[in-house]
Amino acid sequence: MNLKVGDIIRFERAFTKEVVEMFTKVSMDEGNHHTNPDELGRLVVQGLLTATLPTKVGGDYNVLARTMNFEFLRPVFTGDTISCEVTIEKLERKDNNRISILATFLCTNQDKKLVLSGNFAGVILTEH
């Protein structure tokens, strides 16, 4: 594992109508705002779909999450491109094959407006 405290991991994702429709079917979160376009033809992206941005880092580094805290600050719409910045705040070896992790995250839209913030904690299982 190459992570260290202070590392910042950045990536971005655009949400399409097709992705929102697929997530609607899987999650059964079928609120009108997720299924009926607004006057600009956009759907509101489900909060938990937006929350997959920081969880991608967990998947990339095999984090088994114990806690996840999300603060949804603004709606995200289809067509938006969201940038996510995850900061590693704490890494602590627990034994030969477990490392405790704490990370914070900020997600902004293409207009640089904060849409989501929070943190996650868990463990990373190592091969040693």
N, C-alpha and C. Protein backbone atom coordinates (compact mmCIF):
# COMPACT_ATOMS: atom_id res chain seq x y z
N MET A 1 0.85 -1.18 0.00
CA MET A 1 0.00 0.00 0.00
C MET A 1 0.89 1.24 0.00
N ASN A 2 0.60 2.15 -0.89
CA ASN A 2 1.43 3.34 -1.04
C ASN A 2 0.82 4.58 -0.42
N LEU A 3 -0.27 4.46 0.30
CA LEU A 3 -0.91 5.63 0.91
C LEU A 3 -0.12 6.12 2.11
N LYS A 4 -0.17 7.44 2.31
CA LYS A 4 0.41 8.02 3.53
C LYS A 4 -0.45 9.20 3.96
N VAL A 5 -0.37 9.52 5.23
CA VAL A 5 -1.12 10.64 5.78
C VAL A 5 -0.79 11.90 4.98
N GLY A 6 -1.81 12.65 4.65
CA GLY A 6 -1.63 13.88 3.87
C GLY A 6 -1.84 13.70 2.38
N ASP A 7 -1.83 12.45 1.91
CA ASP A 7 -2.09 12.21 0.49
C ASP A 7 -3.47 12.74 0.11
N ILE A 8 -3.56 13.30 -1.07
CA ILE A 8 -4.83 13.76 -1.62
C ILE A 8 -5.05 13.02 -2.93
N ILE A 9 -6.20 12.37 -3.02
CA ILE A 9 -6.55 11.61 -4.21
C ILE A 9 -7.68 12.36 -4.90
N ARG A 10 -7.50 12.67 -6.18
CA ARG A 10 -8.50 13.45 -6.92
C ARG A 10 -8.99 12.66 -8.13
N PHE A 11 -10.27 12.83 -8.43
CA PHE A 11 -10.85 12.27 -9.66
C PHE A 11 -12.17 12.96 -9.90
N GLU A 12 -12.73 12.75 -11.07
CA GLU A 12 -14.01 13.37 -11.38
C GLU A 12 -14.88 12.42 -12.17
N ARG A 13 -16.17 12.74 -12.14
CA ARG A 13 -17.15 11.90 -12.82
C ARG A 13 -18.31 12.76 -13.27
N ALA A 14 -18.82 12.47 -14.46
CA ALA A 14 -20.03 13.11 -14.95
C ALA A 14 -21.18 12.12 -14.78
N PHE A 15 -22.34 12.62 -14.40
CA PHE A 15 -23.51 11.77 -14.22
C PHE A 15 -24.45 11.95 -15.40
N THR A 16 -24.77 10.85 -16.06
CA THR A 16 -25.65 10.87 -17.22
C THR A 16 -27.07 10.44 -16.81
N LYS A 17 -28.01 10.72 -17.67
CA LYS A 17 -29.40 10.30 -17.44
C LYS A 17 -29.47 8.78 -17.34
N GLU A 18 -28.71 8.08 -18.16
CA GLU A 18 -28.72 6.62 -18.16
C GLU A 18 -28.24 6.06 -16.82
N VAL A 19 -27.20 6.67 -16.25
CA VAL A 19 -26.68 6.21 -14.96
C VAL A 19 -27.72 6.44 -13.86
N VAL A 20 -28.37 7.60 -13.87
CA VAL A 20 -29.40 7.89 -12.87
C VAL A 20 -30.56 6.91 -13.02
N GLU A 21 -30.98 6.63 -14.25
CA GLU A 21 -32.06 5.67 -14.47
C GLU A 21 -31.69 4.28 -13.96
N MET A 22 -30.44 3.85 -14.19
CA MET A 22 -29.99 2.55 -13.72
C MET A 22 -29.97 2.52 -12.19
N PHE A 23 -29.45 3.58 -11.56
CA PHE A 23 -29.39 3.64 -10.11
C PHE A 23 -30.81 3.68 -9.52
N THR A 24 -31.72 4.34 -10.19
CA THR A 24 -33.11 4.40 -9.75
C THR A 24 -33.69 2.99 -9.67
N LYS A 25 -33.42 2.18 -10.68
CA LYS A 25 -33.91 0.80 -10.69
C LYS A 25 -33.27 -0.02 -9.57
N VAL A 26 -31.97 0.11 -9.40
CA VAL A 26 -31.25 -0.68 -8.40
C VAL A 26 -31.63 -0.26 -6.98
N SER A 27 -31.68 1.04 -6.74
CA SER A 27 -31.91 1.56 -5.38
C SER A 27 -33.39 1.64 -5.02
N MET A 28 -34.25 1.67 -6.03
CA MET A 28 -35.69 1.89 -5.88
C MET A 28 -35.98 3.27 -5.28
N ASP A 29 -35.03 4.18 -5.38
CA ASP A 29 -35.23 5.58 -4.99
C ASP A 29 -35.85 6.28 -6.19
N GLU A 30 -37.17 6.29 -6.23
CA GLU A 30 -37.91 6.72 -7.41
C GLU A 30 -38.64 8.04 -7.21
N GLY A 31 -38.07 8.94 -6.41
CA GLY A 31 -38.69 10.25 -6.24
C GLY A 31 -38.88 10.93 -7.57
N ASN A 32 -39.92 11.77 -7.67
CA ASN A 32 -40.21 12.46 -8.93
C ASN A 32 -39.01 13.20 -9.49
N HIS A 33 -38.21 13.79 -8.62
CA HIS A 33 -37.05 14.57 -9.06
C HIS A 33 -35.96 13.68 -9.70
N HIS A 34 -36.03 12.35 -9.45
CA HIS A 34 -35.08 11.42 -10.07
C HIS A 34 -35.63 10.82 -11.37
N THR A 35 -36.94 10.99 -11.61
CA THR A 35 -37.55 10.35 -12.78
C THR A 35 -38.16 11.33 -13.78
N ASN A 36 -38.46 12.55 -13.33
CA ASN A 36 -39.05 13.56 -14.21
C ASN A 36 -38.08 14.72 -14.40
N PRO A 37 -37.65 14.96 -15.62
CA PRO A 37 -36.70 16.05 -15.86
C PRO A 37 -37.26 17.42 -15.47
N ASP A 38 -36.36 18.32 -15.07
CA ASP A 38 -36.75 19.70 -14.77
C ASP A 38 -36.91 20.48 -16.07
N GLU A 39 -37.13 21.78 -15.96
CA GLU A 39 -37.35 22.62 -17.16
C GLU A 39 -36.14 22.67 -18.08
N LEU A 40 -34.97 22.28 -17.58
CA LEU A 40 -33.76 22.24 -18.40
C LEU A 40 -33.46 20.83 -18.92
N GLY A 41 -34.36 19.88 -18.62
CA GLY A 41 -34.18 18.51 -19.09
C GLY A 41 -33.28 17.66 -18.21
N ARG A 42 -32.99 18.13 -17.00
CA ARG A 42 -32.08 17.42 -16.11
C ARG A 42 -32.85 16.64 -15.05
N LEU A 43 -32.25 15.54 -14.61
CA LEU A 43 -32.73 14.81 -13.44
C LEU A 43 -31.84 15.15 -12.26
N VAL A 44 -32.39 15.07 -11.05
CA VAL A 44 -31.57 15.22 -9.85
C VAL A 44 -30.93 13.86 -9.59
N VAL A 45 -29.62 13.86 -9.41
CA VAL A 45 -28.86 12.64 -9.10
C VAL A 45 -29.13 12.27 -7.64
N GLN A 46 -29.40 11.00 -7.37
CA GLN A 46 -29.62 10.55 -6.01
C GLN A 46 -28.39 10.88 -5.15
N GLY A 47 -28.67 11.27 -3.90
CA GLY A 47 -27.57 11.57 -2.98
C GLY A 47 -26.62 10.40 -2.83
N LEU A 48 -27.16 9.20 -2.70
CA LEU A 48 -26.28 8.05 -2.52
C LEU A 48 -25.50 7.71 -3.79
N LEU A 49 -26.02 8.07 -4.95
CA LEU A 49 -25.23 7.91 -6.18
C LEU A 49 -24.08 8.91 -6.18
N THR A 50 -24.36 10.14 -5.78
CA THR A 50 -23.28 11.13 -5.64
C THR A 50 -22.24 10.65 -4.64
N ALA A 51 -22.70 10.00 -3.57
CA ALA A 51 -21.81 9.51 -2.51
C ALA A 51 -20.90 8.37 -2.97
N THR A 52 -21.14 7.83 -4.18
CA THR A 52 -20.22 6.80 -4.67
C THR A 52 -18.88 7.39 -5.07
N LEU A 53 -18.82 8.71 -5.21
CA LEU A 53 -17.53 9.33 -5.57
C LEU A 53 -16.46 9.04 -4.51
N PRO A 54 -16.64 9.41 -3.25
CA PRO A 54 -15.59 9.11 -2.28
C PRO A 54 -15.46 7.62 -1.99
N THR A 55 -16.52 6.84 -2.17
CA THR A 55 -16.37 5.41 -1.89
C THR A 55 -15.53 4.73 -2.96
N LYS A 56 -15.35 5.36 -4.11
CA LYS A 56 -14.46 4.81 -5.14
C LYS A 56 -13.05 4.64 -4.59
N VAL A 57 -12.60 5.61 -3.79
CA VAL A 57 -11.26 5.51 -3.20
C VAL A 57 -11.18 4.29 -2.29
N GLY A 58 -12.24 4.07 -1.51
CA GLY A 58 -12.27 2.88 -0.67
C GLY A 58 -12.11 1.62 -1.50
N GLY A 59 -12.81 1.56 -2.62
CA GLY A 59 -12.68 0.40 -3.50
C GLY A 59 -11.30 0.28 -4.12
N ASP A 60 -10.72 1.40 -4.50
CA ASP A 60 -9.38 1.39 -5.11
C ASP A 60 -8.32 0.87 -4.15
N TYR A 61 -8.51 1.10 -2.84
CA TYR A 61 -7.51 0.72 -1.83
C TYR A 61 -8.00 -0.38 -0.91
N ASN A 62 -9.08 -1.07 -1.30
CA ASN A 62 -9.61 -2.21 -0.55
C ASN A 62 -9.95 -1.88 0.90
N VAL A 63 -10.57 -0.73 1.09
CA VAL A 63 -11.00 -0.32 2.43
C VAL A 63 -12.31 -1.03 2.77
N LEU A 64 -12.34 -1.64 3.95
CA LEU A 64 -13.59 -2.17 4.50
C LEU A 64 -14.13 -1.07 5.40
N ALA A 65 -15.17 -0.40 4.95
CA ALA A 65 -15.69 0.76 5.66
C ALA A 65 -16.38 0.35 6.96
N ARG A 66 -16.16 1.15 7.98
CA ARG A 66 -16.86 0.98 9.25
C ARG A 66 -17.85 2.12 9.46
N THR A 67 -17.45 3.32 9.10
CA THR A 67 -18.35 4.47 9.19
C THR A 67 -18.18 5.33 7.95
N MET A 68 -19.29 5.97 7.57
CA MET A 68 -19.27 6.92 6.45
C MET A 68 -20.23 8.04 6.83
N ASN A 69 -19.75 9.26 6.75
CA ASN A 69 -20.57 10.42 7.08
C ASN A 69 -20.63 11.33 5.86
N PHE A 70 -21.84 11.68 5.45
CA PHE A 70 -22.05 12.50 4.27
C PHE A 70 -22.85 13.74 4.66
N GLU A 71 -22.46 14.89 4.13
CA GLU A 71 -23.26 16.09 4.24
C GLU A 71 -23.56 16.55 2.81
N PHE A 72 -24.83 16.44 2.43
CA PHE A 72 -25.26 16.80 1.09
C PHE A 72 -25.60 18.29 1.10
N LEU A 73 -24.85 19.07 0.35
CA LEU A 73 -24.92 20.53 0.43
C LEU A 73 -25.68 21.18 -0.71
N ARG A 74 -25.68 20.57 -1.88
CA ARG A 74 -26.37 21.11 -3.06
C ARG A 74 -26.80 19.95 -3.92
N PRO A 75 -27.86 20.14 -4.69
CA PRO A 75 -28.25 19.06 -5.61
C PRO A 75 -27.22 18.90 -6.74
N VAL A 76 -27.13 17.68 -7.21
CA VAL A 76 -26.32 17.35 -8.38
C VAL A 76 -27.30 16.94 -9.47
N PHE A 77 -27.05 17.41 -10.68
CA PHE A 77 -27.95 17.15 -11.80
C PHE A 77 -27.24 16.34 -12.88
N THR A 78 -28.03 15.63 -13.69
CA THR A 78 -27.45 14.96 -14.84
C THR A 78 -26.77 16.04 -15.69
N GLY A 79 -25.63 15.69 -16.25
CA GLY A 79 -24.84 16.64 -17.02
C GLY A 79 -23.77 17.32 -16.19
N ASP A 80 -23.90 17.31 -14.86
CA ASP A 80 -22.87 17.90 -14.00
C ASP A 80 -21.63 17.01 -13.98
N THR A 81 -20.48 17.64 -13.88
CA THR A 81 -19.22 16.93 -13.66
C THR A 81 -18.78 17.27 -12.25
N ILE A 82 -18.62 16.23 -11.43
CA ILE A 82 -18.29 16.41 -10.03
C ILE A 82 -16.84 15.98 -9.80
N SER A 83 -16.07 16.87 -9.19
CA SER A 83 -14.69 16.57 -8.81
C SER A 83 -14.67 16.19 -7.34
N CYS A 84 -13.94 15.14 -7.03
CA CYS A 84 -13.85 14.65 -5.66
C CYS A 84 -12.39 14.68 -5.22
N GLU A 85 -12.19 15.19 -4.02
CA GLU A 85 -10.85 15.26 -3.44
C GLU A 85 -10.90 14.56 -2.08
N VAL A 86 -10.19 13.45 -1.96
CA VAL A 86 -10.14 12.67 -0.73
C VAL A 86 -8.77 12.88 -0.09
N THR A 87 -8.78 13.26 1.20
CA THR A 87 -7.53 13.48 1.94
C THR A 87 -7.38 12.40 3.00
N ILE A 88 -6.23 11.74 3.00
CA ILE A 88 -5.94 10.72 4.01
C ILE A 88 -5.51 11.44 5.29
N GLU A 89 -6.32 11.29 6.33
CA GLU A 89 -6.07 11.99 7.59
C GLU A 89 -5.32 11.13 8.60
N LYS A 90 -5.55 9.82 8.54
CA LYS A 90 -4.93 8.93 9.55
C LYS A 90 -4.74 7.54 8.96
N LEU A 91 -3.59 6.97 9.20
CA LEU A 91 -3.30 5.58 8.88
C LEU A 91 -2.58 5.00 10.09
N GLU A 92 -3.04 3.88 10.60
CA GLU A 92 -2.43 3.29 11.79
C GLU A 92 -2.45 1.78 11.67
N ARG A 93 -1.26 1.19 11.73
CA ARG A 93 -1.18 -0.28 11.65
C ARG A 93 -1.74 -0.86 12.94
N LYS A 94 -2.69 -1.79 12.78
CA LYS A 94 -3.33 -2.43 13.93
C LYS A 94 -2.68 -3.76 14.28
N ASP A 95 -2.27 -4.49 13.31
CA ASP A 95 -1.54 -5.74 13.48
C ASP A 95 -0.86 -6.04 12.15
N ASN A 96 -0.41 -7.26 11.96
CA ASN A 96 0.35 -7.57 10.75
C ASN A 96 -0.44 -7.45 9.46
N ASN A 97 -1.77 -7.54 9.53
CA ASN A 97 -2.51 -7.50 8.27
C ASN A 97 -3.67 -6.50 8.25
N ARG A 98 -3.69 -5.53 9.18
CA ARG A 98 -4.77 -4.54 9.18
C ARG A 98 -4.22 -3.14 9.43
N ILE A 99 -4.69 -2.21 8.63
CA ILE A 99 -4.34 -0.80 8.81
C ILE A 99 -5.64 -0.02 8.96
N SER A 100 -5.75 0.76 10.01
CA SER A 100 -6.92 1.62 10.23
C SER A 100 -6.73 2.88 9.38
N ILE A 101 -7.83 3.33 8.75
CA ILE A 101 -7.77 4.52 7.89
C ILE A 101 -8.90 5.47 8.25
N LEU A 102 -8.60 6.76 8.17
CA LEU A 102 -9.60 7.82 8.28
C LEU A 102 -9.31 8.80 7.14
N ALA A 103 -10.35 9.15 6.39
CA ALA A 103 -10.18 10.08 5.27
C ALA A 103 -11.35 11.06 5.26
N THR A 104 -11.09 12.27 4.79
CA THR A 104 -12.12 13.27 4.59
C THR A 104 -12.26 13.51 3.09
N PHE A 105 -13.40 14.08 2.68
CA PHE A 105 -13.57 14.34 1.26
C PHE A 105 -14.41 15.59 1.03
N LEU A 106 -14.15 16.19 -0.13
CA LEU A 106 -14.90 17.35 -0.62
C LEU A 106 -15.23 17.08 -2.09
N CYS A 107 -16.49 17.30 -2.47
CA CYS A 107 -16.90 17.12 -3.86
C CYS A 107 -17.49 18.44 -4.36
N THR A 108 -17.01 18.90 -5.51
CA THR A 108 -17.47 20.17 -6.08
C THR A 108 -17.97 19.94 -7.50
N ASN A 109 -18.90 20.80 -7.91
CA ASN A 109 -19.40 20.70 -9.28
C ASN A 109 -18.52 21.52 -10.23
N GLN A 110 -18.90 21.53 -11.49
CA GLN A 110 -18.10 22.22 -12.51
C GLN A 110 -18.06 23.73 -12.29
N ASP A 111 -18.94 24.25 -11.45
CA ASP A 111 -18.93 25.68 -11.11
C ASP A 111 -18.14 25.95 -9.83
N LYS A 112 -17.41 24.92 -9.36
CA LYS A 112 -16.58 25.01 -8.13
C LYS A 112 -17.41 25.17 -6.87
N LYS A 113 -18.69 24.80 -6.91
CA LYS A 113 -19.55 24.87 -5.74
C LYS A 113 -19.53 23.52 -5.02
N LEU A 114 -19.38 23.56 -3.70
CA LEU A 114 -19.33 22.35 -2.89
C LEU A 114 -20.71 21.69 -2.89
N VAL A 115 -20.75 20.40 -3.25
CA VAL A 115 -22.01 19.66 -3.28
C VAL A 115 -22.07 18.58 -2.20
N LEU A 116 -20.92 18.09 -1.75
CA LEU A 116 -20.88 16.98 -0.80
C LEU A 116 -19.58 17.05 -0.02
N SER A 117 -19.68 16.81 1.30
CA SER A 117 -18.47 16.69 2.12
C SER A 117 -18.70 15.61 3.14
N GLY A 118 -17.63 15.17 3.78
CA GLY A 118 -17.78 14.16 4.81
C GLY A 118 -16.49 13.43 5.09
N ASN A 119 -16.64 12.23 5.66
CA ASN A 119 -15.47 11.42 5.98
C ASN A 119 -15.86 9.94 6.01
N PHE A 120 -14.84 9.10 5.95
CA PHE A 120 -15.06 7.67 6.14
C PHE A 120 -13.90 7.08 6.92
N ALA A 121 -14.19 5.99 7.62
CA ALA A 121 -13.17 5.29 8.40
C ALA A 121 -13.38 3.80 8.21
N GLY A 122 -12.30 3.07 8.32
CA GLY A 122 -12.39 1.62 8.17
C GLY A 122 -11.03 0.99 8.32
N VAL A 123 -10.90 -0.19 7.76
CA VAL A 123 -9.62 -0.91 7.80
C VAL A 123 -9.25 -1.34 6.39
N ILE A 124 -7.96 -1.45 6.19
CA ILE A 124 -7.40 -1.99 4.96
C ILE A 124 -6.70 -3.29 5.34
N LEU A 125 -7.10 -4.37 4.69
CA LEU A 125 -6.42 -5.64 4.92
C LEU A 125 -5.21 -5.72 4.02
N THR A 126 -4.07 -6.07 4.57
CA THR A 126 -2.83 -6.16 3.80
C THR A 126 -2.43 -7.62 3.66
N GLU A 127 -1.47 -7.87 2.81
CA GLU A 127 -1.02 -9.23 2.52
C GLU A 127 -0.03 -9.77 3.55
N HIS A 128 0.51 -8.92 4.40
CA HIS A 128 1.60 -9.35 5.31
C HIS A 128 1.12 -10.25 6.39
